[in-house]
Amino acid sequence: MIIFVFTGLSAAIGDPNNSYPDQEIKVAFAFGLAIATLAQCIGHVSGAHLNPAITLGLLVSCQMSILRAFFYIIRQTEVFSPLLQLNGISPYKGYGVEFLLTLQLVLCVLAVTDKRCDVGGLTPLAIGLSVAWFLHLALISYTGCGINPARSFGPAIILESFDDHWVYWAGPMSAGVVAALLYNFLLAPRDEPLSKQTRVLFCCSSQEKEIREPLLEDVRDCSKELI
């Protein structure tokens, strides 16, 4: 998370002589490529969430325990980044913008990490380009492209500026929940009963893999039968 924020900060500060569009493009690709690189490097270790909205989405998708999700979110919000502000739009419009584009991000993460969908090692690139091209370039002019409560929380505390801060939490976090429900119950529902899926929520971290692996095997078997 520290590397991710440092990269974004370096791009955001950058050369003060850059034009506004050039600066937006530079920041967008800095964040996107940083996420892609970190997902490739540490994705197999921690999942490289880097975002409480993604963590919450994976929790609602029954892909991690409540305890692990809690500590992930605590650690994510300890890193400080630039203060984000709404640019000429109302808080409710800001909420809508943050919600819709975070919804796309979490859906992208759920889709490309789904074991039923083999993207051939392109998962980090897909997520990174989603953040850089689709989200930052579309959103940065309106809300600063929050899509990540961890990027908003630190500077709000340091500068004691919580004006419209709820937008940067409510939008992404509610989007994470909705994206998980949409993906798991509408777009790509699983065949196993819900009671079996939710077992992972209340286990300790050492038991997560033991519970998830049989579920994944069931999913693979069902996919083979459909093919």
Protein backbone atom coordinates (compact mmCIF):
# COMPACT_ATOMS: atom_id res chain seq x y z
CA MET A 1 0.00 0.00 0.00
CA ILE A 2 2.87 2.39 0.81
CA ILE A 3 4.47 1.76 -2.60
CA PHE A 4 1.13 2.31 -4.31
CA VAL A 5 0.50 5.66 -2.60
CA PHE A 6 4.12 6.81 -3.05
CA THR A 7 3.89 6.18 -6.79
CA GLY A 8 0.62 8.06 -7.07
CA LEU A 9 1.93 10.96 -4.98
CA SER A 10 5.05 11.26 -7.12
CA ALA A 11 2.95 11.49 -10.26
CA ALA A 12 0.47 13.93 -8.69
CA ILE A 13 3.17 16.32 -7.47
CA GLY A 14 5.34 15.99 -10.57
CA ASP A 15 6.22 18.95 -12.79
CA PRO A 16 4.12 22.03 -11.95
CA ASN A 17 4.55 23.24 -15.56
CA ASN A 18 2.56 20.33 -16.98
CA SER A 19 -0.80 21.21 -18.51
CA TYR A 20 -3.94 20.02 -16.72
CA PRO A 21 -4.84 17.26 -19.24
CA ASP A 22 -1.26 16.00 -19.27
CA GLN A 23 -1.24 15.85 -15.48
CA GLU A 24 -4.49 13.87 -15.40
CA ILE A 25 -3.17 11.31 -17.87
CA LYS A 26 0.10 10.95 -15.96
CA VAL A 27 -1.67 10.42 -12.62
CA ALA A 28 -4.14 7.98 -14.17
CA PHE A 29 -1.48 5.75 -15.62
CA ALA A 30 0.73 6.02 -12.53
CA PHE A 31 -2.02 4.63 -10.32
CA GLY A 32 -3.12 2.05 -12.87
CA LEU A 33 0.33 0.67 -13.60
CA ALA A 34 1.23 0.72 -9.88
CA ILE A 35 -1.79 -1.46 -9.14
CA ALA A 36 -0.96 -3.80 -12.03
CA THR A 37 2.65 -4.16 -10.88
CA LEU A 38 1.77 -4.75 -7.22
CA ALA A 39 -0.96 -7.23 -8.14
CA GLN A 40 1.59 -9.17 -10.17
CA CYS A 41 4.21 -9.06 -7.39
CA ILE A 42 2.19 -9.74 -4.25
CA GLY A 43 -1.17 -10.93 -5.54
CA HIS A 44 -0.29 -14.52 -4.67
CA VAL A 45 0.72 -13.47 -1.14
CA SER A 46 -2.10 -11.23 0.12
CA GLY A 47 -4.38 -10.75 -2.87
CA ALA A 48 -3.08 -7.18 -3.32
CA HIS A 49 -6.45 -5.63 -2.53
CA LEU A 50 -5.08 -2.15 -1.73
CA ASN A 51 -8.69 -0.98 -1.41
CA PRO A 52 -11.31 -1.47 1.34
CA ALA A 53 -14.07 -1.52 -1.29
CA ILE A 54 -12.46 -4.53 -2.99
CA THR A 55 -11.90 -6.21 0.38
CA LEU A 56 -15.56 -5.71 1.28
CA GLY A 57 -16.63 -7.03 -2.12
CA LEU A 58 -14.57 -10.18 -1.65
CA LEU A 59 -15.95 -10.56 1.88
CA VAL A 60 -19.55 -10.37 0.64
CA SER A 61 -18.55 -12.85 -2.08
CA CYS A 62 -17.51 -15.28 0.69
CA GLN A 63 -13.91 -15.35 -0.50
CA MET A 64 -12.30 -14.35 2.80
CA SER A 65 -13.07 -14.44 6.51
CA ILE A 66 -14.54 -11.52 8.45
CA LEU A 67 -11.45 -11.41 10.67
CA ARG A 68 -9.04 -11.17 7.73
CA ALA A 69 -11.17 -8.50 6.04
CA PHE A 70 -11.25 -6.44 9.24
CA PHE A 71 -7.46 -6.36 9.57
CA TYR A 72 -6.99 -5.73 5.84
CA ILE A 73 -9.18 -2.63 6.01
CA ILE A 74 -7.43 -1.37 9.16
CA ARG A 75 -4.02 -1.66 7.49
CA GLN A 76 -5.19 -0.12 4.23
CA THR A 77 -6.47 3.04 5.89
CA GLU A 78 -3.19 3.72 7.71
CA VAL A 79 -1.50 5.06 4.56
CA PHE A 80 -1.80 8.75 3.77
CA SER A 81 -2.35 10.31 0.34
CA PRO A 82 -3.46 13.68 -1.11
CA LEU A 83 -6.73 15.18 0.11
CA LEU A 84 -9.52 14.54 -2.39
CA GLN A 85 -12.19 17.15 -3.04
CA LEU A 86 -15.34 17.45 -5.12
CA ASN A 87 -14.84 19.69 -8.15
CA GLY A 88 -17.98 21.68 -8.85
CA ILE A 89 -20.50 18.90 -8.21
CA SER A 90 -22.87 18.23 -5.32
CA PRO A 91 -22.06 15.57 -2.72
CA TYR A 92 -24.90 13.39 -3.98
CA LYS A 93 -23.62 13.54 -7.55
CA GLY A 94 -20.18 12.79 -6.20
CA TYR A 95 -21.60 9.76 -4.42
CA GLY A 96 -23.19 8.58 -7.66
CA VAL A 97 -19.95 8.97 -9.60
CA GLU A 98 -17.90 7.17 -6.95
CA PHE A 99 -20.52 4.41 -6.68
CA LEU A 100 -20.81 3.68 -10.40
CA LEU A 101 -17.11 3.58 -11.18
CA THR A 102 -16.15 1.64 -8.05
CA LEU A 103 -18.91 -0.79 -9.02
CA GLN A 104 -17.11 -1.33 -12.32
CA LEU A 105 -13.77 -1.81 -10.56
CA VAL A 106 -15.04 -4.42 -8.09
CA LEU A 107 -16.92 -6.27 -10.85
CA CYS A 108 -13.68 -6.32 -12.85
CA VAL A 109 -11.74 -7.74 -9.89
CA LEU A 110 -14.37 -10.39 -9.17
CA ALA A 111 -14.53 -11.42 -12.82
CA VAL A 112 -10.82 -11.70 -13.57
CA THR A 113 -10.07 -13.49 -10.29
CA ASP A 114 -12.91 -15.98 -10.74
CA LYS A 115 -11.39 -19.48 -11.03
CA ARG A 116 -14.04 -20.35 -13.63
CA CYS A 117 -12.62 -17.68 -15.93
CA ASP A 118 -9.05 -18.25 -17.09
CA VAL A 119 -7.62 -14.94 -18.31
CA GLY A 120 -4.18 -16.42 -18.90
CA GLY A 121 -2.15 -14.40 -16.42
CA LEU A 122 -3.59 -11.06 -17.55
CA THR A 123 -5.43 -10.39 -14.28
CA PRO A 124 -3.06 -7.62 -13.01
CA LEU A 125 -3.06 -5.89 -16.39
CA ALA A 126 -6.86 -6.00 -16.63
CA ILE A 127 -7.27 -4.44 -13.18
CA GLY A 128 -4.54 -1.86 -13.77
CA LEU A 129 -5.99 -0.71 -17.09
CA SER A 130 -9.44 -0.57 -15.53
CA VAL A 131 -8.14 1.82 -12.88
CA ALA A 132 -6.01 3.89 -15.25
CA TRP A 133 -8.01 4.13 -18.44
CA PHE A 134 -11.64 3.69 -17.49
CA LEU A 135 -11.79 5.07 -13.95
CA HIS A 136 -9.16 7.78 -13.48
CA LEU A 137 -9.52 9.37 -16.90
CA ALA A 138 -13.30 9.46 -16.51
CA LEU A 139 -13.53 10.45 -12.84
CA ILE A 140 -10.52 12.47 -11.79
CA SER A 141 -11.96 15.80 -12.97
CA TYR A 142 -15.06 15.41 -10.79
CA THR A 143 -14.12 13.83 -7.48
CA GLY A 144 -10.38 13.30 -7.76
CA CYS A 145 -11.12 9.64 -8.46
CA GLY A 146 -11.44 8.32 -4.94
CA ILE A 147 -12.74 4.78 -5.65
CA ASN A 148 -10.69 3.83 -2.58
CA PRO A 149 -11.58 4.95 0.97
CA ALA A 150 -8.02 4.20 2.10
CA ARG A 151 -6.74 7.04 -0.09
CA SER A 152 -9.23 9.50 1.42
CA PHE A 153 -9.10 8.73 5.13
CA GLY A 154 -5.51 9.63 6.05
CA PRO A 155 -5.37 13.17 4.65
CA ALA A 156 -8.82 13.97 6.07
CA ILE A 157 -7.49 13.18 9.56
CA ILE A 158 -4.21 15.06 9.16
CA LEU A 159 -5.82 18.20 7.70
CA GLU A 160 -8.94 17.87 9.88
CA SER A 161 -11.03 18.33 6.75
CA PHE A 162 -14.06 16.08 6.64
CA ASP A 163 -16.20 18.17 4.29
CA ASP A 164 -18.16 15.73 2.12
CA HIS A 165 -15.81 12.98 3.31
CA TRP A 166 -18.72 10.56 3.53
CA VAL A 167 -18.85 10.53 -0.29
CA TYR A 168 -15.48 8.76 -0.46
CA TRP A 169 -16.60 6.06 1.95
CA ALA A 170 -20.28 5.58 1.16
CA GLY A 171 -19.83 5.48 -2.62
CA PRO A 172 -17.03 2.89 -2.90
CA MET A 173 -18.10 0.70 0.04
CA SER A 174 -21.73 0.43 -1.04
CA ALA A 175 -20.51 -0.27 -4.57
CA GLY A 176 -18.36 -3.11 -3.25
CA VAL A 177 -21.38 -4.76 -1.64
CA VAL A 178 -23.65 -4.28 -4.66
CA ALA A 179 -20.98 -5.53 -7.08
CA ALA A 180 -20.49 -8.70 -5.05
CA LEU A 181 -24.23 -9.39 -4.92
CA LEU A 182 -24.64 -8.69 -8.64
CA TYR A 183 -21.76 -10.93 -9.63
CA ASN A 184 -22.53 -13.85 -7.33
CA PHE A 185 -26.30 -13.94 -7.69
CA LEU A 186 -26.98 -12.52 -11.16
CA LEU A 187 -23.97 -12.44 -13.49
CA ALA A 188 -22.10 -15.59 -12.41
CA PRO A 189 -24.03 -17.48 -9.71
CA ARG A 190 -22.41 -20.47 -8.03
CA ASP A 191 -24.03 -23.88 -7.85
CA GLU A 192 -23.19 -24.70 -4.24
CA PRO A 193 -25.72 -23.70 -1.54
CA LEU A 194 -25.29 -20.37 0.22
CA SER A 195 -24.79 -22.07 3.58
CA LYS A 196 -21.73 -23.82 2.17
CA GLN A 197 -20.32 -20.61 0.68
CA THR A 198 -20.65 -18.65 3.93
CA ARG A 199 -18.56 -21.12 5.96
CA VAL A 200 -15.42 -19.19 5.05
CA LEU A 201 -16.73 -16.00 6.69
CA PHE A 202 -16.42 -17.29 10.24
CA CYS A 203 -13.27 -19.40 10.03
CA CYS A 204 -9.78 -18.43 11.12
CA SER A 205 -7.28 -17.47 8.44
CA SER A 206 -5.51 -20.84 8.55
CA GLN A 207 -8.75 -22.61 7.65
CA GLU A 208 -9.73 -20.38 4.71
CA LYS A 209 -7.80 -22.35 2.10
CA GLU A 210 -9.10 -25.67 3.40
CA ILE A 211 -12.68 -24.46 2.99
CA ARG A 212 -12.24 -22.62 -0.32
CA GLU A 213 -10.40 -25.35 -2.20
CA PRO A 214 -13.24 -27.92 -2.12
CA LEU A 215 -15.62 -25.17 -3.23
CA LEU A 216 -13.36 -24.33 -6.16
CA GLU A 217 -13.13 -27.99 -7.12
CA ASP A 218 -16.93 -28.19 -7.14
CA VAL A 219 -17.06 -25.14 -9.38
CA ARG A 220 -14.47 -26.59 -11.79
CA ASP A 221 -16.37 -29.88 -12.01
CA CYS A 222 -19.61 -28.05 -12.78
CA SER A 223 -17.87 -25.96 -15.44
CA LYS A 224 -16.47 -29.10 -17.11
CA GLU A 225 -19.94 -30.65 -17.20
CA LEU A 226 -21.34 -27.55 -18.88
CA ILE A 227 -18.57 -27.61 -21.49
